[in-house]
C-alpha atoms as a PDB file:
ATOM      1  CA  MET A   1     135.157 319.399  45.221  1.00  0.00           C
ATOM      2  CA  THR A   2     132.491 317.899  47.489  1.00  0.00           C
ATOM      3  CA  ASP A   3     130.205 315.215  46.066  1.00  0.00           C
ATOM      4  CA  HIS A   4     126.617 316.380  46.577  1.00  0.00           C
ATOM      5  CA  THR A   5     125.061 313.249  45.103  1.00  0.00           C
ATOM      6  CA  PRO A   6     122.288 312.069  47.420  1.00  0.00           C
ATOM      7  CA  ALA A   7     121.789 308.454  48.387  1.00  0.00           C
ATOM      8  CA  PRO A   8     119.336 306.363  46.347  1.00  0.00           C
ATOM      9  CA  PHE A   9     115.734 307.438  47.013  1.00  0.00           C
ATOM     10  CA  ALA A  10     116.897 310.772  48.358  1.00  0.00           C
ATOM     11  CA  PHE A  11     115.898 313.684  46.185  1.00  0.00           C
ATOM     12  CA  ARG A  12     116.978 317.204  45.327  1.00  0.00           C
ATOM     13  CA  ALA A  13     114.918 320.336  45.894  1.00  0.00           C
ATOM     14  CA  ALA A  14     115.064 324.071  46.475  1.00  0.00           C
ATOM     15  CA  TYR A  15     114.148 324.643  50.092  1.00  0.00           C
ATOM     16  CA  THR A  16     114.692 326.908  53.058  1.00  0.00           C
ATOM     17  CA  GLU A  17     114.518 326.239  56.760  1.00  0.00           C
ATOM     18  CA  SER A  18     110.716 326.437  56.607  1.00  0.00           C
ATOM     19  CA  THR A  19     109.574 325.877  52.984  1.00  0.00           C
ATOM     20  CA  ILE A  20     110.141 323.650  49.968  1.00  0.00           C
ATOM     21  CA  ILE A  21     109.257 324.494  46.374  1.00  0.00           C
ATOM     22  CA  VAL A  22     107.115 321.998  44.478  1.00  0.00           C
ATOM     23  CA  TYR A  23     105.985 322.393  40.884  1.00  0.00           C
ATOM     24  CA  TYR A  24     102.510 321.920  39.443  1.00  0.00           C
ATOM     25  CA  HIS A  25     101.525 321.903  35.742  1.00  0.00           C
ATOM     26  CA  CYS A  26      98.190 323.546  34.937  1.00  0.00           C
ATOM     27  CA  ASP A  27      96.231 325.646  32.485  1.00  0.00           C
ATOM     28  CA  THR A  28      96.307 329.429  32.160  1.00  0.00           C
ATOM     29  CA  GLN A  29      93.151 330.064  34.178  1.00  0.00           C
ATOM     30  CA  ILE A  30      94.369 328.047  37.171  1.00  0.00           C
ATOM     31  CA  ALA A  31      97.850 329.596  37.051  1.00  0.00           C
ATOM     32  CA  HIS A  32      96.657 333.184  36.913  1.00  0.00           C
ATOM     33  CA  ALA A  33      93.962 332.723  39.571  1.00  0.00           C
ATOM     34  CA  ALA A  34      96.283 330.764  41.901  1.00  0.00           C
ATOM     35  CA  VAL A  35      99.056 333.364  41.680  1.00  0.00           C
ATOM     36  CA  GLN A  36      96.595 336.199  42.273  1.00  0.00           C
ATOM     37  CA  ALA A  37      94.817 334.468  45.188  1.00  0.00           C
ATOM     38  CA  GLN A  38      97.965 332.723  46.551  1.00  0.00           C
ATOM     39  CA  THR A  39      95.959 329.521  47.028  1.00  0.00           C
ATOM     40  CA  LEU A  40      94.573 326.640  44.992  1.00  0.00           C
ATOM     41  CA  ASN A  41      91.234 327.201  46.681  1.00  0.00           C
ATOM     42  CA  ILE A  42      89.954 328.918  43.528  1.00  0.00           C
ATOM     43  CA  PRO A  43      86.946 328.240  41.263  1.00  0.00           C
ATOM     44  CA  THR A  44      89.050 327.099  38.285  1.00  0.00           C
ATOM     45  CA  PHE A  45      90.957 324.456  40.273  1.00  0.00           C
ATOM     46  CA  LYS A  46      89.149 321.131  40.417  1.00  0.00           C
ATOM     47  CA  PRO A  47      90.105 319.389  43.663  1.00  0.00           C
ATOM     48  CA  GLY A  48      87.946 316.400  42.659  1.00  0.00           C
ATOM     49  CA  ARG A  49      90.817 314.932  40.642  1.00  0.00           C
ATOM     50  CA  HIS A  50      94.357 313.878  41.498  1.00  0.00           C
ATOM     51  CA  THR A  51      97.049 316.552  41.736  1.00  0.00           C
ATOM     52  CA  TRP A  52     100.715 315.813  40.988  1.00  0.00           C
ATOM     53  CA  ILE A  53     103.459 317.891  42.595  1.00  0.00           C
ATOM     54  CA  LYS A  54     107.219 317.574  42.123  1.00  0.00           C
ATOM     55  CA  PRO A  55     110.001 319.192  44.193  1.00  0.00           C
ATOM     56  CA  SER A  56     112.626 319.001  41.462  1.00  0.00           C
ATOM     57  CA  PHE A  57     112.641 321.568  38.665  1.00  0.00           C
ATOM     58  CA  ARG A  58     114.519 319.022  36.575  1.00  0.00           C
ATOM     59  CA  SER A  59     111.634 316.608  37.042  1.00  0.00           C
ATOM     60  CA  ALA A  60     109.236 319.362  36.002  1.00  0.00           C
ATOM     61  CA  LEU A  61     111.375 319.615  32.863  1.00  0.00           C
ATOM     62  CA  ARG A  62     110.256 316.120  31.895  1.00  0.00           C
ATOM     63  CA  LEU A  63     107.659 317.830  29.827  1.00  0.00           C
ATOM     64  CA  TYR A  64     107.351 315.442  26.926  1.00  0.00           C
ATOM     65  CA  ARG A  65     103.642 315.384  27.815  1.00  0.00           C
ATOM     66  CA  SER A  66     103.288 319.164  27.872  1.00  0.00           C
ATOM     67  CA  ASP A  67     105.933 320.106  25.259  1.00  0.00           C
ATOM     68  CA  TRP A  68     107.786 322.529  27.550  1.00  0.00           C
ATOM     69  CA  ALA A  69     104.562 324.105  28.829  1.00  0.00           C
ATOM     70  CA  ARG A  70     103.250 324.679  25.314  1.00  0.00           C
ATOM     71  CA  GLU A  71     100.463 322.058  25.235  1.00  0.00           C
ATOM     72  CA  GLN A  72      96.860 323.087  25.776  1.00  0.00           C
ATOM     73  CA  ASN A  73      95.735 322.761  29.428  1.00  0.00           C
ATOM     74  CA  LEU A  74      99.360 322.281  30.559  1.00  0.00           C
ATOM     75  CA  GLU A  75     100.713 325.596  29.339  1.00  0.00           C
ATOM     76  CA  HIS A  76     101.731 326.844  32.787  1.00  0.00           C
ATOM     77  CA  VAL A  77     103.986 325.688  35.575  1.00  0.00           C
ATOM     78  CA  ILE A  78     103.529 327.192  39.007  1.00  0.00           C
ATOM     79  CA  ALA A  79     105.941 326.958  41.899  1.00  0.00           C
ATOM     80  CA  LEU A  80     104.145 326.238  45.154  1.00  0.00           C
ATOM     81  CA  HIS A  81     106.205 327.255  48.160  1.00  0.00           C
ATOM     82  CA  ILE A  82     104.808 324.948  50.834  1.00  0.00           C
ATOM     83  CA  THR A  83     105.791 324.241  54.412  1.00  0.00           C
ATOM     84  CA  ARG A  84     108.364 321.538  54.895  1.00  0.00           C
ATOM     85  CA  GLU A  85     106.186 320.112  57.661  1.00  0.00           C
ATOM     86  CA  GLY A  86     103.355 319.791  55.126  1.00  0.00           C
ATOM     87  CA  TRP A  87     105.634 318.175  52.550  1.00  0.00           C
ATOM     88  CA  GLU A  88     106.804 315.629  55.090  1.00  0.00           C
ATOM     89  CA  GLU A  89     103.221 315.081  56.231  1.00  0.00           C
ATOM     90  CA  ALA A  90     102.372 314.112  52.639  1.00  0.00           C
ATOM     91  CA  ILE A  91     105.228 311.607  52.599  1.00  0.00           C
ATOM     92  CA  LYS A  92     104.000 310.171  55.905  1.00  0.00           C
ATOM     93  CA  TRP A  93     100.528 309.813  54.380  1.00  0.00           C
ATOM     94  CA  ASP A  94     102.144 307.686  51.646  1.00  0.00           C
ATOM     95  CA  HIS A  95     103.668 305.454  54.331  1.00  0.00           C
ATOM     96  CA  LEU A  96     100.236 305.177  55.979  1.00  0.00           C
ATOM     97  CA  ARG A  97      98.659 304.321  52.626  1.00  0.00           C
ATOM     98  CA  LEU A  98     101.129 301.499  52.237  1.00  0.00           C
ATOM     99  CA  SER A  99     100.048 300.150  55.621  1.00  0.00           C
ATOM    100  CA  GLY A 100      96.387 300.411  54.572  1.00  0.00           C
ATOM    101  CA  GLU A 101      95.528 303.294  56.901  1.00  0.00           C
ATOM    102  CA  THR A 102      94.830 306.085  54.377  1.00  0.00           C
ATOM    103  CA  PRO A 103      94.426 306.603  50.604  1.00  0.00           C
ATOM    104  CA  TYR A 104      95.589 310.234  50.529  1.00  0.00           C
ATOM    105  CA  VAL A 105      98.982 310.259  48.840  1.00  0.00           C
ATOM    106  CA  ARG A 106     101.165 308.185  46.554  1.00  0.00           C
ATOM    107  CA  CYS A 107     104.897 308.779  46.110  1.00  0.00           C
ATOM    108  CA  ARG A 108     106.482 307.728  42.843  1.00  0.00           C
ATOM    109  CA  TRP A 109     110.247 307.593  42.353  1.00  0.00           C
ATOM    110  CA  ASP A 110     111.761 307.975  38.881  1.00  0.00           C
ATOM    111  CA  PRO A 111     115.293 308.480  37.591  1.00  0.00           C
ATOM    112  CA  GLU A 112     116.370 312.120  37.564  1.00  0.00           C
ATOM    113  CA  LEU A 113     117.593 313.329  34.192  1.00  0.00           C
ATOM    114  CA  GLU A 114     120.134 315.876  33.091  1.00  0.00           C
ATOM    115  CA  ILE A 115     118.675 318.643  30.981  1.00  0.00           C
ATOM    116  CA  GLY A 116     119.821 316.865  27.806  1.00  0.00           C
ATOM    117  CA  GLY A 117     118.108 313.627  28.847  1.00  0.00           C
ATOM    118  CA  GLU A 118     121.083 311.757  30.342  1.00  0.00           C
ATOM    119  CA  SER A 119     120.425 309.835  33.564  1.00  0.00           C
ATOM    120  CA  LEU A 120     121.716 311.241  36.832  1.00  0.00           C
ATOM    121  CA  PRO A 121     122.766 309.004  39.755  1.00  0.00           C
ATOM    122  CA  PHE A 122     119.712 309.800  41.885  1.00  0.00           C
ATOM    123  CA  LYS A 123     115.950 309.826  41.711  1.00  0.00           C
ATOM    124  CA  PHE A 124     113.200 312.405  41.923  1.00  0.00           C
ATOM    125  CA  VAL A 125     109.919 312.004  43.714  1.00  0.00           C
ATOM    126  CA  GLN A 126     106.516 312.912  42.368  1.00  0.00           C
ATOM    127  CA  ILE A 127     103.662 313.001  44.844  1.00  0.00           C
ATOM    128  CA  THR A 128     100.121 312.334  43.743  1.00  0.00           C
ATOM    129  CA  LEU A 129      97.569 313.935  46.046  1.00  0.00           C
ATOM    130  CA  THR A 130      94.017 312.638  46.058  1.00  0.00           C
ATOM    131  CA  PRO A 131      91.196 315.180  46.381  1.00  0.00           C
ATOM    132  CA  GLY A 132      91.121 314.612  50.160  1.00  0.00           C
ATOM    133  CA  ALA A 133      94.841 315.325  50.437  1.00  0.00           C
ATOM    134  CA  VAL A 134      94.461 318.574  48.491  1.00  0.00           C
ATOM    135  CA  GLU A 135      91.598 319.687  50.706  1.00  0.00           C
ATOM    136  CA  GLN A 136      93.079 318.500  54.010  1.00  0.00           C
ATOM    137  CA  GLY A 137      96.712 319.316  53.299  1.00  0.00           C
ATOM    138  CA  LEU A 138      97.983 321.146  50.255  1.00  0.00           C
ATOM    139  CA  ASN A 139      95.882 324.287  50.573  1.00  0.00           C
ATOM    140  CA  ARG A 140      96.892 324.790  54.219  1.00  0.00           C
ATOM    141  CA  TRP A 141     100.580 324.149  53.456  1.00  0.00           C
ATOM    142  CA  ILE A 142     100.898 326.819  50.730  1.00  0.00           C
ATOM    143  CA  VAL A 143     102.963 329.853  51.723  1.00  0.00           C
ATOM    144  CA  GLU A 144     103.429 331.424  48.268  1.00  0.00           C
ATOM    145  CA  ILE A 145     102.643 330.683  44.606  1.00  0.00           C
ATOM    146  CA  LYS A 146     104.745 331.941  41.679  1.00  0.00           C
ATOM    147  CA  ASP A 147     104.337 331.399  37.947  1.00  0.00           C
ATOM    148  CA  VAL A 148     107.578 329.955  36.507  1.00  0.00           C
ATOM    149  CA  THR A 149     106.221 329.309  33.026  1.00  0.00           C
ATOM    150  CA  GLU A 150     108.429 331.822  31.221  1.00  0.00           C
ATOM    151  CA  VAL A 151     111.674 330.342  32.509  1.00  0.00           C
ATOM    152  CA  MET A 152     110.372 326.849  31.671  1.00  0.00           C
ATOM    153  CA  LYS A 153     109.620 327.932  28.099  1.00  0.00           C
ATOM    154  CA  GLU A 154     112.978 329.687  27.798  1.00  0.00           C
ATOM    155  CA  ILE A 155     114.761 326.532  28.940  1.00  0.00           C
ATOM    156  CA  GLY A 156     112.727 324.516  26.421  1.00  0.00           C
ATOM    157  CA  GLU A 157     113.675 326.849  23.590  1.00  0.00           C
ATOM    158  CA  LEU A 158     117.363 326.635  24.539  1.00  0.00           C
ATOM    159  CA  VAL A 159     117.217 322.825  24.727  1.00  0.00           C
ATOM    160  CA  ASP A 160     115.449 322.703  21.339  1.00  0.00           C
ATOM    161  CA  ALA A 161     118.262 324.903  19.937  1.00  0.00           C
ATOM    162  CA  GLY A 162     120.932 322.603  21.401  1.00  0.00           C
ATOM    163  CA  LYS A 163     122.142 325.254  23.870  1.00  0.00           C
ATOM    164  CA  LEU A 164     122.259 322.937  26.868  1.00  0.00           C
ATOM    165  CA  ASP A 165     124.810 324.930  28.872  1.00  0.00           C
ATOM    166  CA  GLU A 166     122.686 328.078  28.615  1.00  0.00           C
ATOM    167  CA  ALA A 167     119.562 326.098  29.523  1.00  0.00           C
ATOM    168  CA  THR A 168     121.298 324.525  32.523  1.00  0.00           C
ATOM    169  CA  ALA A 169     122.364 327.960  33.768  1.00  0.00           C
ATOM    170  CA  LEU A 170     118.670 328.890  34.125  1.00  0.00           C
ATOM    171  CA  LEU A 171     117.864 325.981  36.443  1.00  0.00           C
ATOM    172  CA  PRO A 172     117.188 326.893  40.082  1.00  0.00           C
ATOM    173  CA  GLN A 173     119.788 325.824  42.628  1.00  0.00           C
ATOM    174  CA  GLU A 174     118.661 322.561  44.230  1.00  0.00           C
ATOM    175  CA  GLY A 175     120.425 320.338  46.702  1.00  0.00           C
ATOM    176  CA  PRO A 176     119.823 317.054  48.479  1.00  0.00           C
ATOM    177  CA  TYR A 177     116.770 317.401  50.682  1.00  0.00           C
ATOM    178  CA  GLU A 178     117.416 316.986  54.400  1.00  0.00           C
ATOM    179  CA  PHE A 179     114.322 315.766  56.206  1.00  0.00           C
ATOM    180  CA  LEU A 180     113.146 317.516  59.353  1.00  0.00           C
ATOM    181  CA  ASP A 181     111.851 314.111  60.465  1.00  0.00           C
ATOM    182  CA  GLU A 182     114.921 311.919  60.125  1.00  0.00           C
ATOM    183  CA  THR A 183     112.807 308.749  60.156  1.00  0.00           C
ATOM    184  CA  LEU A 184     111.593 309.648  56.653  1.00  0.00           C
ATOM    185  CA  GLY A 185     115.019 310.035  55.067  1.00  0.00           C
ATOM    186  CA  PRO A 186     117.088 307.452  53.254  1.00  0.00           C
END
């Protein structure tokens, strides 16, 4: 069997040749309007605050703050299918921020967890987009928006019931992300 464990600071994601899926927690109004309009450029979305996106469904599962998408104002999870070029542009903006050239994006690396809470041997990345990054980047990168709340809640119910194998079977297939721009990779 091949070891698919990525190097430290690499991350796992569901992606195609042209898109990567990132997850965003939000309220019902934002989720419904975003899915219908296929953009975050909607009246209920407030681009004046920071927006956190995560490419790992497992990292989206770290929902101790939203109780498996059951907490008020965080009761939905939407999957944003964005361009890989846009995703990598966001990571480049983080590098520029570190050099003092722009405040747009901040990458945060945390340990990835198994569905039962055990640590995995790699990290996940969460990207915080400032309002300028949402306006100048995220909205133009979006290709498709899907609501994945029901599967998130189903996984949460299975985890709560101790049915970890069944919960794990519902996770999307994710693999080590291979950067288009090799200078960004580990």
